[in-house]
C-alpha atoms as a PDB file:
ATOM      1  CA  MET A   1       0.617  -8.883   4.877  1.00  0.00           C
ATOM      2  CA  SER A   2       1.382 -12.350   3.591  1.00  0.00           C
ATOM      3  CA  ASP A   3       0.077 -13.692   6.910  1.00  0.00           C
ATOM      4  CA  ILE A   4      -3.238 -11.961   6.295  1.00  0.00           C
ATOM      5  CA  ALA A   5      -3.321 -13.346   2.745  1.00  0.00           C
ATOM      6  CA  ALA A   6      -2.622 -16.804   4.183  1.00  0.00           C
ATOM      7  CA  THR A   7      -5.486 -16.413   6.652  1.00  0.00           C
ATOM      8  CA  TYR A   8      -7.832 -15.963   3.701  1.00  0.00           C
ATOM      9  CA  GLY A   9      -6.128 -18.716   1.666  1.00  0.00           C
ATOM     10  CA  LYS A  10      -4.739 -16.340  -0.961  1.00  0.00           C
ATOM     11  CA  THR A  11      -0.967 -16.734  -0.689  1.00  0.00           C
ATOM     12  CA  GLY A  12      -0.855 -18.452  -4.095  1.00  0.00           C
ATOM     13  CA  THR A  13      -2.262 -15.357  -5.794  1.00  0.00           C
ATOM     14  CA  LEU A  14      -0.356 -12.725  -3.798  1.00  0.00           C
ATOM     15  CA  THR A  15       1.235 -10.306  -6.288  1.00  0.00           C
ATOM     16  CA  GLN A  16       3.617  -7.376  -6.172  1.00  0.00           C
ATOM     17  CA  GLU A  17       0.732  -5.062  -7.105  1.00  0.00           C
ATOM     18  CA  GLN A  18      -1.319  -6.271  -4.135  1.00  0.00           C
ATOM     19  CA  MET A  19       1.595  -5.676  -1.767  1.00  0.00           C
ATOM     20  CA  VAL A  20       2.096  -2.107  -3.059  1.00  0.00           C
ATOM     21  CA  PHE A  21      -1.661  -1.478  -2.827  1.00  0.00           C
ATOM     22  CA  CYS A  22      -1.863  -2.634   0.798  1.00  0.00           C
ATOM     23  CA  LEU A  23       1.217  -0.694   1.880  1.00  0.00           C
ATOM     24  CA  PHE A  24       0.376   2.640   0.287  1.00  0.00           C
ATOM     25  CA  LYS A  25      -3.410   2.809  -0.294  1.00  0.00           C
ATOM     26  CA  HIS A  26      -4.071   5.001   2.734  1.00  0.00           C
ATOM     27  CA  SER A  27      -1.320   7.502   1.895  1.00  0.00           C
ATOM     28  CA  ALA A  28      -1.320   7.451  -1.917  1.00  0.00           C
ATOM     29  CA  ALA A  29      -4.810   6.274  -2.923  1.00  0.00           C
ATOM     30  CA  GLN A  30      -4.979   8.516  -6.000  1.00  0.00           C
ATOM     31  CA  LEU A  31      -1.682   7.115  -7.319  1.00  0.00           C
ATOM     32  CA  LEU A  32      -2.926   3.534  -6.978  1.00  0.00           C
ATOM     33  CA  ARG A  33      -6.237   3.917  -8.824  1.00  0.00           C
ATOM     34  CA  ASP A  34      -4.749   2.198 -11.918  1.00  0.00           C
ATOM     35  CA  VAL A  35      -3.322  -0.768  -9.990  1.00  0.00           C
ATOM     36  CA  ILE A  36      -6.333  -2.255  -8.192  1.00  0.00           C
ATOM     37  CA  VAL A  37      -9.929  -1.401  -9.010  1.00  0.00           C
ATOM     38  CA  ARG A  38     -12.882  -2.252  -6.797  1.00  0.00           C
ATOM     39  CA  GLU A  39     -15.841  -3.600  -8.740  1.00  0.00           C
ATOM     40  CA  GLY A  40     -18.765  -4.219  -6.419  1.00  0.00           C
ATOM     41  CA  GLY A  41     -17.683  -6.815  -3.856  1.00  0.00           C
ATOM     42  CA  ARG A  42     -14.467  -7.824  -5.592  1.00  0.00           C
ATOM     43  CA  TYR A  43     -11.108  -6.289  -6.422  1.00  0.00           C
ATOM     44  CA  LEU A  44      -9.558  -6.391  -9.901  1.00  0.00           C
ATOM     45  CA  VAL A  45      -5.739  -6.458  -9.818  1.00  0.00           C
ATOM     46  CA  LEU A  46      -4.221  -4.965 -12.952  1.00  0.00           C
ATOM     47  CA  PRO A  47      -0.655  -5.779 -13.996  1.00  0.00           C
ATOM     48  CA  MET A  48       1.854  -2.930 -13.820  1.00  0.00           C
ATOM     49  CA  SER A  49       4.539  -2.224 -16.361  1.00  0.00           C
ATOM     50  CA  LEU A  50       8.052  -1.386 -15.234  1.00  0.00           C
ATOM     51  CA  ARG A  51       7.476   2.234 -16.252  1.00  0.00           C
ATOM     52  CA  MET A  52       4.299   2.412 -14.151  1.00  0.00           C
ATOM     53  CA  MET A  53       6.095   0.853 -11.157  1.00  0.00           C
ATOM     54  CA  ARG A  54       8.966   3.378 -11.425  1.00  0.00           C
ATOM     55  CA  SER A  55       6.571   6.308 -11.722  1.00  0.00           C
ATOM     56  CA  LEU A  56       4.587   5.111  -8.734  1.00  0.00           C
ATOM     57  CA  ALA A  57       7.756   4.561  -6.681  1.00  0.00           C
ATOM     58  CA  THR A  58       8.946   8.091  -7.513  1.00  0.00           C
ATOM     59  CA  LYS A  59       5.660   9.674  -6.454  1.00  0.00           C
ATOM     60  CA  ILE A  60       5.495   7.639  -3.253  1.00  0.00           C
ATOM     61  CA  GLY A  61       9.141   8.519  -2.552  1.00  0.00           C
ATOM     62  CA  ILE A  62       8.292  12.214  -2.705  1.00  0.00           C
ATOM     63  CA  LYS A  63       5.454  11.735  -0.195  1.00  0.00           C
ATOM     64  CA  VAL A  64       7.695   9.712   2.129  1.00  0.00           C
ATOM     65  CA  GLY A  65      10.402  12.378   1.838  1.00  0.00           C
ATOM     66  CA  GLN A  66       7.959  15.088   2.836  1.00  0.00           C
ATOM     67  CA  ARG A  67       6.942  13.072   5.889  1.00  0.00           C
ATOM     68  CA  SER A  68      10.588  12.470   6.763  1.00  0.00           C
ATOM     69  CA  VAL A  69      11.186  16.210   6.974  1.00  0.00           C
ATOM     70  CA  GLY A  70       8.347  16.465   9.474  1.00  0.00           C
ATOM     71  CA  LYS A  71       9.775  13.572  11.467  1.00  0.00           C
ATOM     72  CA  ALA A  72      13.254  15.161  11.457  1.00  0.00           C
ATOM     73  CA  ILE A  73      11.816  18.322  13.009  1.00  0.00           C
ATOM     74  CA  ALA A  74       9.994  16.249  15.619  1.00  0.00           C
ATOM     75  CA  ARG A  75      13.237  14.564  16.651  1.00  0.00           C
ATOM     76  CA  TYR A  76      14.480  17.792  18.209  1.00  0.00           C
ATOM     77  CA  ALA A  77      11.945  17.232  20.942  1.00  0.00           C
ATOM     78  CA  PRO A  78      12.807  13.606  21.884  1.00  0.00           C
ATOM     79  CA  LEU A  79       9.807  12.805  24.035  1.00  0.00           C
ATOM     80  CA  VAL A  80       7.273  14.389  21.717  1.00  0.00           C
ATOM     81  CA  GLY A  81       9.093  12.947  18.707  1.00  0.00           C
ATOM     82  CA  ALA A  82       9.091   9.415  20.127  1.00  0.00           C
ATOM     83  CA  MET A  83       5.405   9.586  20.975  1.00  0.00           C
ATOM     84  CA  GLY A  84       4.598  11.040  17.557  1.00  0.00           C
ATOM     85  CA  VAL A  85       6.626   8.439  15.644  1.00  0.00           C
ATOM     86  CA  GLY A  86       5.112   5.651  17.752  1.00  0.00           C
ATOM     87  CA  ALA A  87       1.585   6.916  17.157  1.00  0.00           C
ATOM     88  CA  TYR A  88       2.230   7.234  13.431  1.00  0.00           C
ATOM     89  CA  ALA A  89       3.729   3.723  13.251  1.00  0.00           C
ATOM     90  CA  TYR A  90       0.657   2.328  15.030  1.00  0.00           C
ATOM     91  CA  TYR A  91      -1.705   4.254  12.720  1.00  0.00           C
ATOM     92  CA  ASP A  92       0.211   3.233   9.591  1.00  0.00           C
ATOM     93  CA  THR A  93       0.341  -0.448  10.583  1.00  0.00           C
ATOM     94  CA  GLN A  94      -3.381  -0.455  11.366  1.00  0.00           C
ATOM     95  CA  LYS A  95      -4.218   1.099   7.980  1.00  0.00           C
ATOM     96  CA  VAL A  96      -2.063  -1.461   6.124  1.00  0.00           C
ATOM     97  CA  ALA A  97      -3.785  -4.288   8.022  1.00  0.00           C
ATOM     98  CA  ASP A  98      -7.260  -2.847   7.326  1.00  0.00           C
ATOM     99  CA  THR A  99      -6.470  -2.580   3.619  1.00  0.00           C
ATOM    100  CA  ALA A 100      -5.041  -6.100   3.464  1.00  0.00           C
ATOM    101  CA  ILE A 101      -8.065  -7.561   5.267  1.00  0.00           C
ATOM    102  CA  ALA A 102     -10.481  -5.732   2.955  1.00  0.00           C
ATOM    103  CA  LEU A 103      -8.564  -6.900  -0.115  1.00  0.00           C
ATOM    104  CA  PHE A 104      -8.028 -10.524   0.831  1.00  0.00           C
ATOM    105  CA  SER A 105     -11.485 -11.069   2.331  1.00  0.00           C
ATOM    106  CA  SER A 106     -13.021 -10.107  -1.039  1.00  0.00           C
ATOM    107  CA  GLU A 107     -12.881 -11.866  -4.369  1.00  0.00           C
ATOM    108  CA  VAL A 108      -9.615 -10.947  -6.102  1.00  0.00           C
ATOM    109  CA  VAL A 109      -9.217 -11.253  -9.878  1.00  0.00           C
ATOM    110  CA  VAL A 110      -5.643 -11.029 -11.173  1.00  0.00           C
ATOM    111  CA  ARG A 111      -5.181 -10.197 -14.839  1.00  0.00           C
ATOM    112  CA  THR A 112      -2.332 -12.057 -16.445  1.00  0.00           C
ATOM    113  CA  GLU A 113      -1.713 -10.120 -19.655  1.00  0.00           C
ATOM    114  CA  SER A 114       1.049  -7.528 -19.394  1.00  0.00           C
ATOM    115  CA  PRO A 115       0.268  -3.828 -19.921  1.00  0.00           C
ATOM    116  CA  LYS A 116       1.451  -1.912 -22.934  1.00  0.00           C
ATOM    117  CA  ASP A 117       3.730   1.068 -22.299  1.00  0.00           C
END
């Protein structure tokens, strides 16, 4: 992700919120609506409080846990499980890259004031 940011010359403004957005937008878009907002052709990055980050991590953890159960079942069939995990890893990596490219190829505005809990 930082390589994609570097390609667009945005490594100096890369934030924790942008990293979380790129990693989990495709699987937890509703949870991330308060982190990065798209306004026309640009993205507005909003600062996250520690409480918001913990809440988001908890919700994402639940989703990852649910997927892990599905993966554990798939591991009983090694060939099918390996193909399924490989396909999911490819899909997930492609979605993260697509999100990062969309974010970093647009204008990004990072707010500096901290949120109030």
